[in-house]
Amino acid sequence: MVMFLFLVVALAVVVGAVTLAVVGGGDNAPLPEAAPERLQDSLPPDRPVSRVDVDRLRFPLAARGYRMADVDDALGRLAAELAERDVRIAELESALAGARAAAHRSLDKPAPHPEDDQR
């Protein structure tokens, strides 16, 4: 029985010493506050996003996966840029269709004969 009590007391002393060491019993200072991880390489704000930017994008881990704010910001930025590109593609396709129609009309119109100019 004495041996059992000795082991329990020894275990309590070891647990207490480890707890004090981890919490910061030395120099009366607690553990330094760890700064939360933030997104290091965010999407560039001064130019359009490229495929390489998306490939390099890595989100820091949080307690339950990824930080929602970082992911939401990146997805919002990508959605806005995709919408801009879709509008630009639609404008270019419309301009191309107009140019093709004009070229087709000019090909259908008969060329003036040089004899008509001499009269």
N, C-alpha and C. Protein backbone atom coordinates (compact mmCIF):
# COMPACT_ATOMS: atom_id res chain seq x y z
N MET A 1 0.81 -1.19 0.00
CA MET A 1 0.00 0.00 0.00
C MET A 1 0.86 1.26 0.00
N VAL A 2 1.96 1.23 0.74
CA VAL A 2 2.87 2.36 0.82
C VAL A 2 3.49 2.61 -0.55
N MET A 3 3.81 1.53 -1.25
CA MET A 3 4.41 1.66 -2.58
C MET A 3 3.42 2.31 -3.55
N PHE A 4 2.15 1.95 -3.45
CA PHE A 4 1.11 2.53 -4.30
C PHE A 4 0.97 4.02 -4.04
N LEU A 5 0.95 4.44 -2.79
CA LEU A 5 0.86 5.86 -2.44
C LEU A 5 2.09 6.62 -2.94
N PHE A 6 3.25 5.99 -2.81
CA PHE A 6 4.47 6.63 -3.30
C PHE A 6 4.40 6.86 -4.82
N LEU A 7 3.92 5.87 -5.57
CA LEU A 7 3.80 6.01 -7.02
C LEU A 7 2.78 7.09 -7.40
N VAL A 8 1.67 7.19 -6.67
CA VAL A 8 0.67 8.21 -6.96
C VAL A 8 1.24 9.60 -6.70
N VAL A 9 1.95 9.78 -5.60
CA VAL A 9 2.56 11.07 -5.28
C VAL A 9 3.64 11.41 -6.31
N ALA A 10 4.45 10.43 -6.69
CA ALA A 10 5.49 10.66 -7.69
C ALA A 10 4.87 11.05 -9.02
N LEU A 11 3.79 10.38 -9.40
CA LEU A 11 3.10 10.71 -10.64
C LEU A 11 2.53 12.12 -10.59
N ALA A 12 1.97 12.51 -9.46
CA ALA A 12 1.42 13.86 -9.31
C ALA A 12 2.52 14.91 -9.41
N VAL A 13 3.68 14.63 -8.82
CA VAL A 13 4.79 15.58 -8.89
C VAL A 13 5.29 15.72 -10.33
N VAL A 14 5.40 14.61 -11.05
CA VAL A 14 5.87 14.66 -12.44
C VAL A 14 4.87 15.42 -13.31
N VAL A 15 3.57 15.13 -13.14
CA VAL A 15 2.54 15.82 -13.92
C VAL A 15 2.56 17.32 -13.59
N GLY A 16 2.69 17.67 -12.35
CA GLY A 16 2.76 19.07 -11.95
C GLY A 16 3.98 19.77 -12.54
N ALA A 17 5.14 19.11 -12.53
CA ALA A 17 6.35 19.71 -13.07
C ALA A 17 6.22 19.91 -14.58
N VAL A 18 5.66 18.94 -15.28
CA VAL A 18 5.49 19.07 -16.73
C VAL A 18 4.49 20.19 -17.03
N THR A 19 3.43 20.26 -16.26
CA THR A 19 2.43 21.32 -16.47
C THR A 19 3.04 22.69 -16.27
N LEU A 20 3.82 22.87 -15.22
CA LEU A 20 4.48 24.16 -14.98
C LEU A 20 5.46 24.50 -16.08
N ALA A 21 6.17 23.50 -16.59
CA ALA A 21 7.14 23.76 -17.66
C ALA A 21 6.42 24.19 -18.94
N VAL A 22 5.30 23.54 -19.23
CA VAL A 22 4.58 23.87 -20.46
C VAL A 22 3.87 25.21 -20.34
N VAL A 23 3.23 25.46 -19.22
CA VAL A 23 2.47 26.69 -19.05
C VAL A 23 3.40 27.88 -18.88
N GLY A 24 4.59 27.66 -18.41
CA GLY A 24 5.53 28.76 -18.29
C GLY A 24 5.85 29.10 -16.86
N GLY A 25 6.08 28.10 -16.06
CA GLY A 25 6.42 28.35 -14.67
C GLY A 25 7.76 29.03 -14.51
N GLY A 26 8.67 28.83 -15.47
CA GLY A 26 9.97 29.47 -15.41
C GLY A 26 9.87 30.94 -15.79
N ASP A 27 10.53 31.80 -15.08
CA ASP A 27 10.57 33.24 -15.31
C ASP A 27 9.18 33.89 -15.20
N ASN A 28 8.25 33.22 -14.60
CA ASN A 28 6.89 33.75 -14.38
C ASN A 28 6.25 34.28 -15.67
N ALA A 29 6.52 33.64 -16.78
CA ALA A 29 5.96 34.08 -18.06
C ALA A 29 5.16 32.95 -18.69
N PRO A 30 3.94 33.23 -19.10
CA PRO A 30 3.17 32.18 -19.78
C PRO A 30 3.71 31.97 -21.20
N LEU A 31 3.21 30.96 -21.84
CA LEU A 31 3.62 30.72 -23.22
C LEU A 31 3.28 31.93 -24.08
N PRO A 32 4.12 32.26 -25.03
CA PRO A 32 3.80 33.39 -25.90
C PRO A 32 2.56 33.07 -26.74
N GLU A 33 1.79 34.09 -26.99
CA GLU A 33 0.58 33.93 -27.77
C GLU A 33 0.98 33.66 -29.23
N ALA A 34 0.48 32.57 -29.75
CA ALA A 34 0.79 32.22 -31.14
C ALA A 34 -0.14 32.99 -32.06
N ALA A 35 0.43 33.63 -33.05
CA ALA A 35 -0.38 34.35 -34.03
C ALA A 35 -1.09 33.34 -34.92
N PRO A 36 -2.33 33.60 -35.26
CA PRO A 36 -3.04 32.66 -36.13
C PRO A 36 -2.43 32.67 -37.52
N GLU A 37 -2.45 31.51 -38.15
CA GLU A 37 -1.92 31.43 -39.51
C GLU A 37 -2.80 32.22 -40.44
N ARG A 38 -2.18 32.93 -41.33
CA ARG A 38 -2.90 33.70 -42.34
C ARG A 38 -2.46 33.24 -43.72
N LEU A 39 -3.27 33.55 -44.70
CA LEU A 39 -2.96 33.22 -46.07
C LEU A 39 -1.71 33.99 -46.49
N GLN A 40 -0.64 33.27 -46.85
CA GLN A 40 0.62 33.92 -47.17
C GLN A 40 0.64 34.50 -48.59
N ASP A 41 0.34 33.68 -49.56
CA ASP A 41 0.39 34.13 -50.96
C ASP A 41 -1.03 34.27 -51.47
N SER A 42 -1.63 35.42 -51.19
CA SER A 42 -3.00 35.62 -51.66
C SER A 42 -2.98 35.94 -53.14
N LEU A 43 -4.15 36.03 -53.72
CA LEU A 43 -4.25 36.33 -55.14
C LEU A 43 -3.81 37.78 -55.38
N PRO A 44 -3.11 38.05 -56.47
CA PRO A 44 -2.56 39.39 -56.70
C PRO A 44 -3.67 40.42 -56.91
N PRO A 45 -3.62 41.54 -56.17
CA PRO A 45 -4.67 42.54 -56.31
C PRO A 45 -4.45 43.49 -57.49
N ASP A 46 -3.24 43.51 -58.05
CA ASP A 46 -2.91 44.52 -59.07
C ASP A 46 -2.96 44.00 -60.50
N ARG A 47 -3.33 42.73 -60.69
CA ARG A 47 -3.41 42.17 -62.04
C ARG A 47 -4.40 41.01 -62.04
N PRO A 48 -4.83 40.58 -63.22
CA PRO A 48 -5.76 39.44 -63.27
C PRO A 48 -5.10 38.17 -62.75
N VAL A 49 -5.90 37.30 -62.23
CA VAL A 49 -5.42 36.03 -61.69
C VAL A 49 -5.06 35.10 -62.84
N SER A 50 -3.91 34.44 -62.73
CA SER A 50 -3.50 33.49 -63.75
C SER A 50 -3.60 32.07 -63.21
N ARG A 51 -3.42 31.12 -64.08
CA ARG A 51 -3.47 29.71 -63.68
C ARG A 51 -2.39 29.40 -62.64
N VAL A 52 -1.22 30.01 -62.79
CA VAL A 52 -0.12 29.79 -61.85
C VAL A 52 -0.50 30.29 -60.46
N ASP A 53 -1.19 31.43 -60.38
CA ASP A 53 -1.62 31.97 -59.09
C ASP A 53 -2.55 30.99 -58.38
N VAL A 54 -3.46 30.41 -59.13
CA VAL A 54 -4.40 29.46 -58.54
C VAL A 54 -3.67 28.18 -58.12
N ASP A 55 -2.71 27.74 -58.92
CA ASP A 55 -1.94 26.54 -58.57
C ASP A 55 -1.12 26.74 -57.30
N ARG A 56 -0.62 27.96 -57.09
CA ARG A 56 0.20 28.25 -55.91
C ARG A 56 -0.61 28.52 -54.66
N LEU A 57 -1.89 28.74 -54.81
CA LEU A 57 -2.74 29.12 -53.68
C LEU A 57 -2.85 27.96 -52.69
N ARG A 58 -2.43 28.19 -51.47
CA ARG A 58 -2.51 27.19 -50.39
C ARG A 58 -3.12 27.87 -49.18
N PHE A 59 -4.13 27.26 -48.64
CA PHE A 59 -4.81 27.82 -47.48
C PHE A 59 -4.24 27.24 -46.20
N PRO A 60 -4.03 28.08 -45.19
CA PRO A 60 -3.52 27.56 -43.91
C PRO A 60 -4.60 26.74 -43.21
N LEU A 61 -4.16 25.74 -42.50
CA LEU A 61 -5.09 24.89 -41.77
C LEU A 61 -5.57 25.57 -40.50
N ALA A 62 -6.80 25.32 -40.17
CA ALA A 62 -7.38 25.84 -38.93
C ALA A 62 -7.83 24.62 -38.11
N ALA A 63 -8.50 24.89 -37.01
CA ALA A 63 -8.91 23.80 -36.12
C ALA A 63 -9.80 22.79 -36.82
N ARG A 64 -10.69 23.24 -37.66
CA ARG A 64 -11.60 22.31 -38.33
C ARG A 64 -11.46 22.40 -39.85
N GLY A 65 -10.25 22.40 -40.35
CA GLY A 65 -10.05 22.43 -41.79
C GLY A 65 -9.33 23.70 -42.20
N TYR A 66 -9.98 24.51 -43.04
CA TYR A 66 -9.39 25.76 -43.53
C TYR A 66 -10.12 26.94 -42.93
N ARG A 67 -9.46 28.09 -42.94
CA ARG A 67 -10.10 29.31 -42.46
C ARG A 67 -11.13 29.75 -43.49
N MET A 68 -12.38 29.80 -43.07
CA MET A 68 -13.46 30.11 -43.99
C MET A 68 -13.30 31.47 -44.64
N ALA A 69 -12.83 32.44 -43.91
CA ALA A 69 -12.69 33.79 -44.47
C ALA A 69 -11.70 33.80 -45.63
N ASP A 70 -10.58 33.09 -45.49
CA ASP A 70 -9.58 33.03 -46.56
C ASP A 70 -10.15 32.35 -47.80
N VAL A 71 -10.83 31.24 -47.59
CA VAL A 71 -11.40 30.50 -48.71
C VAL A 71 -12.50 31.33 -49.38
N ASP A 72 -13.36 31.96 -48.58
CA ASP A 72 -14.43 32.78 -49.15
C ASP A 72 -13.87 33.95 -49.96
N ASP A 73 -12.81 34.59 -49.46
CA ASP A 73 -12.19 35.70 -50.19
C ASP A 73 -11.62 35.23 -51.53
N ALA A 74 -10.91 34.11 -51.51
CA ALA A 74 -10.31 33.60 -52.74
C ALA A 74 -11.39 33.19 -53.74
N LEU A 75 -12.42 32.50 -53.27
CA LEU A 75 -13.48 32.08 -54.18
C LEU A 75 -14.26 33.28 -54.73
N GLY A 76 -14.47 34.29 -53.90
CA GLY A 76 -15.14 35.50 -54.37
C GLY A 76 -14.34 36.20 -55.45
N ARG A 77 -13.04 36.30 -55.24
CA ARG A 77 -12.16 36.93 -56.23
C ARG A 77 -12.16 36.16 -57.53
N LEU A 78 -12.05 34.83 -57.44
CA LEU A 78 -12.05 34.01 -58.65
C LEU A 78 -13.39 34.10 -59.38
N ALA A 79 -14.50 34.12 -58.65
CA ALA A 79 -15.81 34.23 -59.29
C ALA A 79 -15.96 35.56 -60.01
N ALA A 80 -15.49 36.64 -59.39
CA ALA A 80 -15.58 37.95 -60.03
C ALA A 80 -14.74 38.00 -61.31
N GLU A 81 -13.54 37.45 -61.26
CA GLU A 81 -12.69 37.46 -62.45
C GLU A 81 -13.26 36.58 -63.55
N LEU A 82 -13.84 35.45 -63.19
CA LEU A 82 -14.46 34.59 -64.21
C LEU A 82 -15.65 35.29 -64.84
N ALA A 83 -16.43 36.01 -64.05
CA ALA A 83 -17.57 36.75 -64.60
C ALA A 83 -17.09 37.83 -65.57
N GLU A 84 -16.02 38.55 -65.20
CA GLU A 84 -15.45 39.56 -66.10
C GLU A 84 -14.98 38.93 -67.41
N ARG A 85 -14.33 37.79 -67.31
CA ARG A 85 -13.84 37.12 -68.51
C ARG A 85 -15.00 36.62 -69.37
N ASP A 86 -16.06 36.13 -68.75
CA ASP A 86 -17.22 35.69 -69.51
C ASP A 86 -17.84 36.83 -70.28
N VAL A 87 -17.93 38.01 -69.65
CA VAL A 87 -18.48 39.18 -70.33
C VAL A 87 -17.57 39.57 -71.49
N ARG A 88 -16.27 39.57 -71.27
CA ARG A 88 -15.32 39.94 -72.32
C ARG A 88 -15.37 38.95 -73.48
N ILE A 89 -15.48 37.66 -73.18
CA ILE A 89 -15.59 36.65 -74.24
C ILE A 89 -16.86 36.86 -75.04
N ALA A 90 -17.98 37.15 -74.36
CA ALA A 90 -19.24 37.40 -75.06
C ALA A 90 -19.12 38.62 -75.97
N GLU A 91 -18.46 39.69 -75.49
CA GLU A 91 -18.26 40.88 -76.33
C GLU A 91 -17.42 40.57 -77.55
N LEU A 92 -16.35 39.82 -77.36
CA LEU A 92 -15.47 39.48 -78.48
C LEU A 92 -16.17 38.56 -79.49
N GLU A 93 -16.96 37.61 -78.98
CA GLU A 93 -17.70 36.72 -79.89
C GLU A 93 -18.75 37.51 -80.68
N SER A 94 -19.37 38.47 -80.03
CA SER A 94 -20.35 39.31 -80.72
C SER A 94 -19.67 40.16 -81.80
N ALA A 95 -18.54 40.74 -81.47
CA ALA A 95 -17.80 41.54 -82.46
C ALA A 95 -17.32 40.67 -83.62
N LEU A 96 -16.88 39.46 -83.32
CA LEU A 96 -16.44 38.55 -84.37
C LEU A 96 -17.60 38.16 -85.28
N ALA A 97 -18.76 37.89 -84.69
CA ALA A 97 -19.93 37.55 -85.50
C ALA A 97 -20.32 38.72 -86.40
N GLY A 98 -20.24 39.95 -85.88
CA GLY A 98 -20.53 41.13 -86.69
C GLY A 98 -19.54 41.30 -87.83
N ALA A 99 -18.27 41.07 -87.54
CA ALA A 99 -17.24 41.19 -88.58
C ALA A 99 -17.42 40.12 -89.65
N ARG A 100 -17.78 38.92 -89.24
CA ARG A 100 -18.02 37.85 -90.21
C ARG A 100 -19.23 38.17 -91.08
N ALA A 101 -20.29 38.71 -90.47
CA ALA A 101 -21.49 39.07 -91.23
C ALA A 101 -21.16 40.18 -92.23
N ALA A 102 -20.38 41.16 -91.82
CA ALA A 102 -20.00 42.25 -92.73
C ALA A 102 -19.13 41.72 -93.87
N ALA A 103 -18.22 40.82 -93.56
CA ALA A 103 -17.38 40.23 -94.60
C ALA A 103 -18.22 39.40 -95.56
N HIS A 104 -19.19 38.69 -95.03
CA HIS A 104 -20.07 37.87 -95.88
C HIS A 104 -20.91 38.75 -96.79
N ARG A 105 -21.41 39.88 -96.27
CA ARG A 105 -22.19 40.81 -97.09
C ARG A 105 -21.33 41.42 -98.20
N SER A 106 -20.08 41.74 -97.88
CA SER A 106 -19.23 42.34 -98.91
C SER A 106 -18.86 41.32 -99.98
N LEU A 107 -18.80 40.06 -99.63
CA LEU A 107 -18.51 39.03 -100.63
C LEU A 107 -19.73 38.77 -101.52
N ASP A 108 -20.94 38.91 -100.96
CA ASP A 108 -22.16 38.69 -101.74
C ASP A 108 -22.43 39.82 -102.70
N LYS A 109 -22.01 41.02 -102.39
CA LYS A 109 -22.25 42.18 -103.24
C LYS A 109 -21.33 42.08 -104.46
N PRO A 110 -21.88 42.23 -105.65
CA PRO A 110 -21.02 42.10 -106.84
C PRO A 110 -20.02 43.26 -106.92
N ALA A 111 -18.86 42.91 -107.40
CA ALA A 111 -17.80 43.92 -107.54
C ALA A 111 -18.13 44.84 -108.70
N PRO A 112 -17.86 46.14 -108.58
CA PRO A 112 -18.15 47.05 -109.69
C PRO A 112 -17.23 46.76 -110.88
N HIS A 113 -17.79 46.87 -112.06
CA HIS A 113 -17.01 46.63 -113.28
C HIS A 113 -16.29 47.92 -113.67
N PRO A 114 -15.09 47.83 -114.18
CA PRO A 114 -14.37 49.04 -114.60
C PRO A 114 -15.07 49.77 -115.73
N GLU A 115 -15.85 49.06 -116.51
CA GLU A 115 -16.57 49.72 -117.61
C GLU A 115 -17.62 50.66 -117.09
N ASP A 116 -18.20 50.37 -115.89
CA ASP A 116 -19.23 51.22 -115.31
C ASP A 116 -18.64 52.57 -114.90
N ASP A 117 -17.37 52.58 -114.53
CA ASP A 117 -16.73 53.82 -114.10
C ASP A 117 -16.44 54.75 -115.27
N GLN A 118 -16.29 54.22 -116.48
CA GLN A 118 -15.92 55.03 -117.64
C GLN A 118 -17.11 55.73 -118.25
N ARG A 119 -18.32 55.37 -117.96
CA ARG A 119 -19.50 55.98 -118.54
C ARG A 119 -19.85 57.26 -117.96
